[in-house]
């Protein structure tokens, strides 16, 4: 962030609708907390079959942290979630939804080139599959919290990806994440004493993202 940026009042989430490939997608938008918007961030929610929506606390933590760093954030309910149309497809078609959100975001901010893809649990799969489709230089970075690598056919990710995982994750074992990361020589930031949902440790999660993403 540059010293010329002037902080505004704390940004608040706005509910918008975006045309997706399976119908309307409801989406939360959180504007940059600074006078200048420096980047676009897309944030994907956890597994909807287990209650995951755009109202997840880790989704909101990621959005608020990135907003404070100058990003405009888009947090959609993917197909079949909440009032978004379509049917859940276990990550097969959800990247199409996220691509539609990206197209909308770029139409609203055509001068912004920086793009961050972030997700939690199931959302990390969606973002990783979207990243595979995009050009090599289209994404500045990825933030994956609790990546669901043992539940899905998970792609490799770029070298600079920030992976954050709880030592005591009861949904996706730390060992599974290390086994996935090892062949990629991908560092994993392990948070001691933390489970999958970062109960009581959201402030620490925000601090870790802030430190890694502050330019």
Protein backbone atom coordinates (compact mmCIF):
# COMPACT_ATOMS: atom_id res chain seq x y z
CA UNK A 1 0.00 0.00 0.00
CA UNK A 2 1.21 3.49 -0.74
CA UNK A 3 1.28 6.40 1.67
CA UNK A 4 -1.08 8.39 -0.57
CA UNK A 5 -4.01 6.10 0.24
CA UNK A 6 -6.49 7.63 2.66
CA UNK A 7 -8.50 5.23 4.85
CA UNK A 8 -12.27 5.57 4.62
CA UNK A 9 -14.88 4.44 7.11
CA UNK A 10 -15.02 0.68 7.56
CA UNK A 11 -16.52 -0.80 4.43
CA UNK A 12 -19.75 -2.78 4.71
CA UNK A 13 -20.95 -5.76 2.69
CA UNK A 14 -23.43 -5.06 -0.10
CA UNK A 15 -25.62 -7.79 -1.56
CA UNK A 16 -25.61 -7.87 -5.37
CA UNK A 17 -26.76 -10.23 -8.14
CA UNK A 18 -24.54 -11.50 -10.93
CA UNK A 19 -25.54 -13.45 -14.04
CA UNK A 20 -23.99 -16.90 -13.80
CA UNK A 21 -23.96 -19.84 -16.23
CA UNK A 22 -26.73 -21.61 -14.26
CA UNK A 23 -28.74 -18.49 -13.42
CA UNK A 24 -28.49 -15.68 -10.91
CA UNK A 25 -25.74 -15.73 -8.30
CA UNK A 26 -26.14 -13.75 -5.11
CA UNK A 27 -22.87 -12.20 -4.05
CA UNK A 28 -21.50 -10.08 -1.24
CA UNK A 29 -19.35 -7.17 -2.33
CA UNK A 30 -17.01 -5.38 0.04
CA UNK A 31 -15.31 -2.28 -1.32
CA UNK A 32 -11.76 -1.24 -0.58
CA UNK A 33 -11.39 0.40 2.83
CA UNK A 34 -8.97 2.85 1.19
CA UNK A 35 -9.57 5.77 -1.13
CA UNK A 36 -7.91 3.78 -3.92
CA UNK A 37 -8.83 0.29 -5.08
CA UNK A 38 -5.61 -1.59 -5.80
CA UNK A 39 -6.93 -5.04 -6.66
CA UNK A 40 -9.83 -7.45 -7.02
CA UNK A 41 -10.25 -10.38 -4.63
CA UNK A 42 -12.61 -13.32 -5.14
CA UNK A 43 -13.36 -15.40 -2.05
CA UNK A 44 -14.99 -18.85 -2.19
CA UNK A 45 -17.02 -20.41 0.63
CA UNK A 46 -16.73 -23.89 2.20
CA UNK A 47 -18.80 -26.99 1.40
CA UNK A 48 -22.51 -26.08 1.10
CA UNK A 49 -23.60 -29.65 1.92
CA UNK A 50 -22.19 -28.96 5.39
CA UNK A 51 -23.63 -25.47 5.73
CA UNK A 52 -21.01 -23.44 3.87
CA UNK A 53 -22.20 -20.10 2.45
CA UNK A 54 -20.86 -16.62 1.82
CA UNK A 55 -21.74 -15.85 5.46
CA UNK A 56 -18.97 -18.12 6.74
CA UNK A 57 -16.78 -16.34 9.29
CA UNK A 58 -13.52 -17.27 7.56
CA UNK A 59 -14.86 -15.92 4.25
CA UNK A 60 -15.73 -12.66 6.00
CA UNK A 61 -12.36 -12.55 7.74
CA UNK A 62 -10.52 -12.92 4.43
CA UNK A 63 -12.71 -10.28 2.77
CA UNK A 64 -12.32 -7.74 5.57
CA UNK A 65 -8.56 -8.26 5.70
CA UNK A 66 -8.14 -7.83 1.95
CA UNK A 67 -10.49 -4.82 1.95
CA UNK A 68 -8.22 -3.17 4.51
CA UNK A 69 -5.35 -3.75 2.07
CA UNK A 70 -7.15 -1.94 -0.74
CA UNK A 71 -9.00 -4.74 -2.52
CA UNK A 72 -12.61 -4.80 -3.63
CA UNK A 73 -13.87 -8.22 -2.58
CA UNK A 74 -16.53 -10.44 -4.15
CA UNK A 75 -17.88 -13.37 -2.11
CA UNK A 76 -20.51 -15.29 -4.11
CA UNK A 77 -22.88 -17.99 -3.04
CA UNK A 78 -22.03 -20.58 -5.67
CA UNK A 79 -24.69 -22.53 -7.58
CA UNK A 80 -27.44 -24.02 -5.43
CA UNK A 81 -26.38 -22.13 -2.30
CA UNK A 82 -28.69 -19.63 -0.63
CA UNK A 83 -30.67 -17.88 -3.34
CA UNK A 84 -28.15 -18.64 -6.09
CA UNK A 85 -29.69 -20.65 -8.89
CA UNK A 86 -28.45 -24.01 -10.18
CA UNK A 87 -27.40 -27.17 -8.36
CA UNK A 88 -24.30 -27.95 -6.34
CA UNK A 89 -21.84 -30.05 -8.39
CA UNK A 90 -19.03 -30.88 -5.90
CA UNK A 91 -16.65 -28.43 -7.54
CA UNK A 92 -17.09 -29.56 -11.14
CA UNK A 93 -19.07 -26.55 -12.36
CA UNK A 94 -18.55 -24.05 -9.55
CA UNK A 95 -15.40 -22.66 -11.23
CA UNK A 96 -17.73 -21.53 -14.04
CA UNK A 97 -19.65 -19.51 -11.46
CA UNK A 98 -16.48 -17.95 -10.11
CA UNK A 99 -15.37 -17.13 -13.66
CA UNK A 100 -18.66 -15.25 -14.13
CA UNK A 101 -18.03 -13.32 -10.92
CA UNK A 102 -14.55 -12.47 -12.17
CA UNK A 103 -15.94 -11.24 -15.49
CA UNK A 104 -18.42 -9.04 -13.62
CA UNK A 105 -15.71 -7.70 -11.30
CA UNK A 106 -13.49 -6.81 -14.23
CA UNK A 107 -16.38 -5.06 -15.97
CA UNK A 108 -16.83 -2.90 -12.86
CA UNK A 109 -13.10 -2.24 -12.40
CA UNK A 110 -11.59 -2.36 -15.90
CA UNK A 111 -8.42 -0.50 -14.90
CA UNK A 112 -7.55 -2.94 -12.09
CA UNK A 113 -5.12 -5.69 -13.05
CA UNK A 114 -4.24 -7.26 -9.71
CA UNK A 115 -6.31 -10.32 -8.86
CA UNK A 116 -6.23 -12.47 -5.72
CA UNK A 117 -8.13 -15.76 -5.45
CA UNK A 118 -8.91 -16.84 -1.89
CA UNK A 119 -10.95 -19.66 -0.46
CA UNK A 120 -11.67 -21.80 2.56
CA UNK A 121 -12.02 -25.60 2.52
CA UNK A 122 -14.22 -26.52 -0.49
CA UNK A 123 -13.64 -22.99 -1.76
CA UNK A 124 -9.94 -23.71 -2.17
CA UNK A 125 -10.81 -26.39 -4.74
CA UNK A 126 -12.98 -23.97 -6.71
CA UNK A 127 -10.27 -21.32 -6.77
CA UNK A 128 -7.51 -23.78 -7.66
CA UNK A 129 -9.52 -25.09 -10.59
CA UNK A 130 -10.32 -21.55 -11.73
CA UNK A 131 -6.62 -20.70 -11.53
CA UNK A 132 -5.83 -23.56 -13.92
CA UNK A 133 -7.97 -21.87 -16.58
CA UNK A 134 -6.49 -18.41 -16.29
CA UNK A 135 -3.36 -17.15 -17.97
CA UNK A 136 -0.06 -17.47 -16.18
CA UNK A 137 0.08 -13.79 -15.30
CA UNK A 138 -3.62 -13.13 -14.63
CA UNK A 139 -3.51 -14.00 -10.92
CA UNK A 140 -1.10 -12.24 -8.59
CA UNK A 141 -1.61 -14.83 -5.86
CA UNK A 142 -3.80 -17.32 -4.05
CA UNK A 143 -4.78 -17.68 -0.39
CA UNK A 144 -5.92 -21.18 0.56
CA UNK A 145 -7.18 -21.76 4.11
CA UNK A 146 -7.79 -25.36 5.14
CA UNK A 147 -7.44 -26.74 1.59
CA UNK A 148 -9.70 -29.77 1.09
CA UNK A 149 -7.02 -31.83 -0.64
CA UNK A 150 -8.17 -35.20 0.74
CA UNK A 151 -11.75 -34.83 -0.43
CA UNK A 152 -11.33 -33.94 -4.09
CA UNK A 153 -9.08 -34.39 -7.10
CA UNK A 154 -7.04 -31.32 -6.25
CA UNK A 155 -4.82 -29.55 -8.80
CA UNK A 156 -1.35 -28.24 -8.19
CA UNK A 157 -1.08 -24.54 -7.46
CA UNK A 158 1.47 -21.82 -8.24
CA UNK A 159 4.68 -21.56 -6.27
CA UNK A 160 3.78 -18.39 -4.35
CA UNK A 161 0.43 -19.65 -3.05
CA UNK A 162 -0.22 -18.90 0.64
CA UNK A 163 -1.47 -22.11 2.31
CA UNK A 164 -2.66 -21.80 5.91
CA UNK A 165 -3.70 -24.90 7.83
CA UNK A 166 -4.54 -25.72 11.43
CA UNK A 167 -2.33 -28.20 13.23
CA UNK A 168 -5.38 -29.92 14.72
CA UNK A 169 -7.66 -29.73 11.67
CA UNK A 170 -10.31 -32.40 12.26
CA UNK A 171 -11.76 -32.26 8.71
CA UNK A 172 -8.64 -32.24 6.50
CA UNK A 173 -5.61 -33.69 8.23
CA UNK A 174 -2.40 -31.70 8.27
CA UNK A 175 -0.62 -34.81 6.99
CA UNK A 176 -2.85 -34.89 3.89
CA UNK A 177 -2.01 -31.25 3.16
CA UNK A 178 1.71 -31.84 3.62
CA UNK A 179 1.56 -34.89 1.34
CA UNK A 180 -0.14 -32.74 -1.33
CA UNK A 181 2.28 -29.83 -0.88
CA UNK A 182 5.49 -31.85 -0.73
CA UNK A 183 5.81 -32.78 -4.45
CA UNK A 184 5.16 -29.13 -5.31
CA UNK A 185 7.80 -27.92 -2.82
CA UNK A 186 5.02 -25.68 -1.52
CA UNK A 187 5.39 -24.20 1.98
CA UNK A 188 2.48 -24.65 4.38
CA UNK A 189 1.91 -22.17 7.19
CA UNK A 190 0.81 -24.33 10.15
CA UNK A 191 -1.08 -22.66 13.00
CA UNK A 192 -0.51 -24.62 16.24
CA UNK A 193 -3.51 -25.74 18.26
CA UNK A 194 -6.05 -24.74 15.60
CA UNK A 195 -8.86 -26.81 14.09
CA UNK A 196 -10.51 -26.53 10.70
CA UNK A 197 -12.73 -23.55 11.54
CA UNK A 198 -10.14 -21.45 13.40
CA UNK A 199 -12.45 -21.07 16.40
CA UNK A 200 -11.19 -18.25 18.58
CA UNK A 201 -8.26 -17.58 16.24
CA UNK A 202 -9.78 -15.48 13.44
CA UNK A 203 -7.79 -12.43 14.50
CA UNK A 204 -4.60 -14.44 14.15
CA UNK A 205 -5.71 -15.66 10.72
CA UNK A 206 -6.33 -12.06 9.64
CA UNK A 207 -2.89 -11.04 10.89
CA UNK A 208 -1.20 -13.84 8.94
CA UNK A 209 -2.95 -12.85 5.70
CA UNK A 210 -2.28 -9.16 6.31
CA UNK A 211 1.44 -9.76 6.82
CA UNK A 212 1.76 -11.97 3.74
CA UNK A 213 -0.30 -9.75 1.43
CA UNK A 214 0.86 -6.29 2.47
CA UNK A 215 2.85 -4.86 -0.44
